[in-house]
């Protein structure tokens, strides 16, 4: 029979879901593991750990309606994909992709279009979720410190 893990051990064993808590530095959780609350406006780049979320609500710094509870990295990717998919058809058009990532990265449009073309493996001019994940994972790993 396995011994139960303490809360600290369980949290450290959980999958990293978000790069870090957006609190005022109280928890210093980098990366956030386990449940997070992610802002629906992705351009705000806000995410809170389960410890800081109630405090931020109490302070009035955030409104619950503007956030979604995320339980895993896959769920986070689906949430981001859905937010970028403005027409709700379950795919990202080149226009949706370019509009979002040109602004996010402040990169030239031709560069973002080239990234889209790289991950559009079946050349149908839209990205399904799996193609988006390939792009997302590459983007995250290329921005991580060595």
C-alpha atoms as a PDB file:
ATOM      1  CA  UNK A   1       0.000   0.000   0.000  1.00  0.00           C
ATOM      2  CA  UNK A   2       1.422   3.412  -1.002  1.00  0.00           C
ATOM      3  CA  UNK A   3       1.716   6.165   1.550  1.00  0.00           C
ATOM      4  CA  UNK A   4      -0.370   9.230   0.787  1.00  0.00           C
ATOM      5  CA  UNK A   5       1.629  12.196  -0.441  1.00  0.00           C
ATOM      6  CA  UNK A   6       1.574  15.511   1.320  1.00  0.00           C
ATOM      7  CA  UNK A   7      -0.069  18.446  -0.474  1.00  0.00           C
ATOM      8  CA  UNK A   8       3.337  19.861  -1.370  1.00  0.00           C
ATOM      9  CA  UNK A   9       4.528  16.587  -2.908  1.00  0.00           C
ATOM     10  CA  UNK A  10       1.288  16.126  -4.845  1.00  0.00           C
ATOM     11  CA  UNK A  11       1.404  19.638  -6.283  1.00  0.00           C
ATOM     12  CA  UNK A  12       5.046  19.321  -7.334  1.00  0.00           C
ATOM     13  CA  UNK A  13       4.272  16.021  -9.090  1.00  0.00           C
ATOM     14  CA  UNK A  14       1.376  17.555 -11.036  1.00  0.00           C
ATOM     15  CA  UNK A  15       1.759  18.615 -14.634  1.00  0.00           C
ATOM     16  CA  UNK A  16       2.946  22.202 -15.219  1.00  0.00           C
ATOM     17  CA  UNK A  17      -0.032  23.994 -16.711  1.00  0.00           C
ATOM     18  CA  UNK A  18       0.944  27.676 -16.919  1.00  0.00           C
ATOM     19  CA  UNK A  19       4.205  29.623 -16.780  1.00  0.00           C
ATOM     20  CA  UNK A  20       3.518  31.336 -13.463  1.00  0.00           C
ATOM     21  CA  UNK A  21       0.967  32.871 -11.158  1.00  0.00           C
ATOM     22  CA  UNK A  22      -0.054  36.453 -11.977  1.00  0.00           C
ATOM     23  CA  UNK A  23      -0.453  37.424  -8.303  1.00  0.00           C
ATOM     24  CA  UNK A  24       1.551  40.256  -6.782  1.00  0.00           C
ATOM     25  CA  UNK A  25       4.408  37.860  -6.087  1.00  0.00           C
ATOM     26  CA  UNK A  26       2.891  36.380  -2.950  1.00  0.00           C
ATOM     27  CA  UNK A  27       3.138  32.722  -3.940  1.00  0.00           C
ATOM     28  CA  UNK A  28       5.997  32.872  -6.463  1.00  0.00           C
ATOM     29  CA  UNK A  29       4.556  29.751  -8.128  1.00  0.00           C
ATOM     30  CA  UNK A  30       6.481  29.256 -11.373  1.00  0.00           C
ATOM     31  CA  UNK A  31       5.220  27.258 -13.165  1.00  0.00           C
ATOM     32  CA  UNK A  32       1.675  26.734 -11.920  1.00  0.00           C
ATOM     33  CA  UNK A  33       0.847  23.076 -11.422  1.00  0.00           C
ATOM     34  CA  UNK A  34      -2.609  21.598 -11.091  1.00  0.00           C
ATOM     35  CA  UNK A  35      -5.727  23.755 -11.283  1.00  0.00           C
ATOM     36  CA  UNK A  36      -5.428  27.323 -12.548  1.00  0.00           C
ATOM     37  CA  UNK A  37      -7.805  30.112 -13.509  1.00  0.00           C
ATOM     38  CA  UNK A  38      -6.919  31.485 -16.931  1.00  0.00           C
ATOM     39  CA  UNK A  39      -8.186  34.803 -18.275  1.00  0.00           C
ATOM     40  CA  UNK A  40     -10.533  34.438 -21.252  1.00  0.00           C
ATOM     41  CA  UNK A  41      -8.841  37.465 -22.852  1.00  0.00           C
ATOM     42  CA  UNK A  42      -5.613  35.714 -23.787  1.00  0.00           C
ATOM     43  CA  UNK A  43      -3.871  38.976 -24.618  1.00  0.00           C
ATOM     44  CA  UNK A  44      -3.967  39.886 -20.919  1.00  0.00           C
ATOM     45  CA  UNK A  45      -1.820  36.800 -20.153  1.00  0.00           C
ATOM     46  CA  UNK A  46      -3.262  36.271 -16.669  1.00  0.00           C
ATOM     47  CA  UNK A  47      -3.402  32.994 -14.775  1.00  0.00           C
ATOM     48  CA  UNK A  48      -3.785  32.346 -11.064  1.00  0.00           C
ATOM     49  CA  UNK A  49      -2.983  29.327  -8.892  1.00  0.00           C
ATOM     50  CA  UNK A  50      -5.603  27.817  -6.582  1.00  0.00           C
ATOM     51  CA  UNK A  51      -4.013  29.556  -3.578  1.00  0.00           C
ATOM     52  CA  UNK A  52      -4.093  33.077  -5.023  1.00  0.00           C
ATOM     53  CA  UNK A  53      -7.362  32.899  -6.996  1.00  0.00           C
ATOM     54  CA  UNK A  54      -9.687  33.450  -3.975  1.00  0.00           C
ATOM     55  CA  UNK A  55      -7.488  36.313  -2.749  1.00  0.00           C
ATOM     56  CA  UNK A  56      -7.609  38.046  -6.140  1.00  0.00           C
ATOM     57  CA  UNK A  57     -11.400  37.700  -6.208  1.00  0.00           C
ATOM     58  CA  UNK A  58     -11.674  39.057  -2.669  1.00  0.00           C
ATOM     59  CA  UNK A  59      -9.452  42.051  -3.495  1.00  0.00           C
ATOM     60  CA  UNK A  60     -11.676  42.789  -6.494  1.00  0.00           C
ATOM     61  CA  UNK A  61      -8.725  42.571  -8.887  1.00  0.00           C
ATOM     62  CA  UNK A  62     -10.541  40.043 -11.113  1.00  0.00           C
ATOM     63  CA  UNK A  63     -14.070  38.962 -11.960  1.00  0.00           C
ATOM     64  CA  UNK A  64     -14.932  35.274 -12.064  1.00  0.00           C
ATOM     65  CA  UNK A  65     -16.857  35.655 -15.347  1.00  0.00           C
ATOM     66  CA  UNK A  66     -13.630  36.700 -17.108  1.00  0.00           C
ATOM     67  CA  UNK A  67     -11.760  33.486 -16.227  1.00  0.00           C
ATOM     68  CA  UNK A  68     -11.992  29.767 -16.919  1.00  0.00           C
ATOM     69  CA  UNK A  69     -10.842  27.030 -14.569  1.00  0.00           C
ATOM     70  CA  UNK A  70      -8.208  24.857 -16.264  1.00  0.00           C
ATOM     71  CA  UNK A  71      -7.184  21.445 -14.911  1.00  0.00           C
ATOM     72  CA  UNK A  72      -4.467  20.283 -17.326  1.00  0.00           C
ATOM     73  CA  UNK A  73      -2.095  21.365 -20.067  1.00  0.00           C
ATOM     74  CA  UNK A  74      -4.335  19.781 -22.724  1.00  0.00           C
ATOM     75  CA  UNK A  75      -7.356  21.643 -21.358  1.00  0.00           C
ATOM     76  CA  UNK A  76      -5.350  24.885 -21.465  1.00  0.00           C
ATOM     77  CA  UNK A  77      -4.421  24.296 -25.120  1.00  0.00           C
ATOM     78  CA  UNK A  78      -8.069  23.600 -25.972  1.00  0.00           C
ATOM     79  CA  UNK A  79      -9.116  26.789 -24.180  1.00  0.00           C
ATOM     80  CA  UNK A  80      -6.561  28.861 -26.103  1.00  0.00           C
ATOM     81  CA  UNK A  81      -7.512  27.201 -29.403  1.00  0.00           C
ATOM     82  CA  UNK A  82     -11.202  27.950 -28.778  1.00  0.00           C
ATOM     83  CA  UNK A  83     -10.465  31.596 -27.940  1.00  0.00           C
ATOM     84  CA  UNK A  84      -8.521  32.068 -31.197  1.00  0.00           C
ATOM     85  CA  UNK A  85     -11.208  30.247 -33.244  1.00  0.00           C
ATOM     86  CA  UNK A  86     -13.421  33.330 -33.616  1.00  0.00           C
ATOM     87  CA  UNK A  87     -15.978  31.751 -35.973  1.00  0.00           C
ATOM     88  CA  UNK A  88     -16.313  28.651 -33.780  1.00  0.00           C
ATOM     89  CA  UNK A  89     -15.908  26.147 -36.628  1.00  0.00           C
ATOM     90  CA  UNK A  90     -13.376  23.999 -34.741  1.00  0.00           C
ATOM     91  CA  UNK A  91     -10.425  25.026 -36.907  1.00  0.00           C
ATOM     92  CA  UNK A  92      -8.128  28.036 -37.097  1.00  0.00           C
ATOM     93  CA  UNK A  93      -8.186  29.804 -40.425  1.00  0.00           C
ATOM     94  CA  UNK A  94      -4.983  31.442 -41.571  1.00  0.00           C
ATOM     95  CA  UNK A  95      -6.629  34.816 -40.884  1.00  0.00           C
ATOM     96  CA  UNK A  96      -7.551  33.873 -37.282  1.00  0.00           C
ATOM     97  CA  UNK A  97      -4.068  32.481 -36.667  1.00  0.00           C
ATOM     98  CA  UNK A  98      -2.209  35.403 -38.224  1.00  0.00           C
ATOM     99  CA  UNK A  99      -4.382  38.031 -36.541  1.00  0.00           C
ATOM    100  CA  UNK A 100      -3.839  36.557 -33.087  1.00  0.00           C
ATOM    101  CA  UNK A 101      -0.144  35.632 -33.270  1.00  0.00           C
ATOM    102  CA  UNK A 102       1.003  38.738 -35.184  1.00  0.00           C
ATOM    103  CA  UNK A 103      -0.331  40.846 -32.331  1.00  0.00           C
ATOM    104  CA  UNK A 104       0.866  38.480 -29.593  1.00  0.00           C
ATOM    105  CA  UNK A 105       4.441  38.212 -30.873  1.00  0.00           C
ATOM    106  CA  UNK A 106       4.581  41.667 -32.477  1.00  0.00           C
ATOM    107  CA  UNK A 107       6.075  39.791 -35.412  1.00  0.00           C
ATOM    108  CA  UNK A 108       5.836  40.559 -39.118  1.00  0.00           C
ATOM    109  CA  UNK A 109       2.759  39.060 -40.752  1.00  0.00           C
ATOM    110  CA  UNK A 110       4.855  37.161 -43.318  1.00  0.00           C
ATOM    111  CA  UNK A 111       6.725  35.402 -40.492  1.00  0.00           C
ATOM    112  CA  UNK A 112       3.477  34.261 -38.812  1.00  0.00           C
ATOM    113  CA  UNK A 113       2.049  33.122 -42.171  1.00  0.00           C
ATOM    114  CA  UNK A 114       5.163  31.023 -42.692  1.00  0.00           C
ATOM    115  CA  UNK A 115       4.657  29.424 -39.259  1.00  0.00           C
ATOM    116  CA  UNK A 116       1.070  28.629 -40.188  1.00  0.00           C
ATOM    117  CA  UNK A 117       2.153  27.008 -43.462  1.00  0.00           C
ATOM    118  CA  UNK A 118       4.743  24.908 -41.610  1.00  0.00           C
ATOM    119  CA  UNK A 119       2.206  23.313 -39.291  1.00  0.00           C
ATOM    120  CA  UNK A 120      -0.630  23.003 -41.838  1.00  0.00           C
ATOM    121  CA  UNK A 121       0.539  19.496 -42.642  1.00  0.00           C
ATOM    122  CA  UNK A 122      -2.332  18.585 -44.965  1.00  0.00           C
ATOM    123  CA  UNK A 123      -2.274  21.991 -46.744  1.00  0.00           C
ATOM    124  CA  UNK A 124      -5.999  22.598 -46.271  1.00  0.00           C
ATOM    125  CA  UNK A 125      -5.430  26.240 -45.205  1.00  0.00           C
ATOM    126  CA  UNK A 126      -6.850  25.646 -41.708  1.00  0.00           C
ATOM    127  CA  UNK A 127      -5.308  24.228 -38.556  1.00  0.00           C
ATOM    128  CA  UNK A 128      -7.122  21.564 -36.620  1.00  0.00           C
ATOM    129  CA  UNK A 129      -6.407  21.144 -32.918  1.00  0.00           C
ATOM    130  CA  UNK A 130      -3.590  18.618 -33.450  1.00  0.00           C
ATOM    131  CA  UNK A 131      -1.786  20.926 -35.891  1.00  0.00           C
ATOM    132  CA  UNK A 132      -2.207  23.825 -33.459  1.00  0.00           C
ATOM    133  CA  UNK A 133      -0.674  21.726 -30.650  1.00  0.00           C
ATOM    134  CA  UNK A 134       2.401  21.067 -32.823  1.00  0.00           C
ATOM    135  CA  UNK A 135       2.821  24.827 -33.274  1.00  0.00           C
ATOM    136  CA  UNK A 136       2.104  25.616 -29.598  1.00  0.00           C
ATOM    137  CA  UNK A 137       4.509  23.012 -28.252  1.00  0.00           C
ATOM    138  CA  UNK A 138       7.263  24.186 -30.606  1.00  0.00           C
ATOM    139  CA  UNK A 139       6.639  27.821 -29.648  1.00  0.00           C
ATOM    140  CA  UNK A 140       6.733  27.067 -25.901  1.00  0.00           C
ATOM    141  CA  UNK A 141       9.881  24.920 -26.148  1.00  0.00           C
ATOM    142  CA  UNK A 142      11.677  27.482 -28.299  1.00  0.00           C
ATOM    143  CA  UNK A 143      10.993  30.193 -25.695  1.00  0.00           C
ATOM    144  CA  UNK A 144      12.058  28.084 -22.698  1.00  0.00           C
ATOM    145  CA  UNK A 145      15.503  28.716 -21.234  1.00  0.00           C
ATOM    146  CA  UNK A 146      17.989  25.922 -22.001  1.00  0.00           C
END
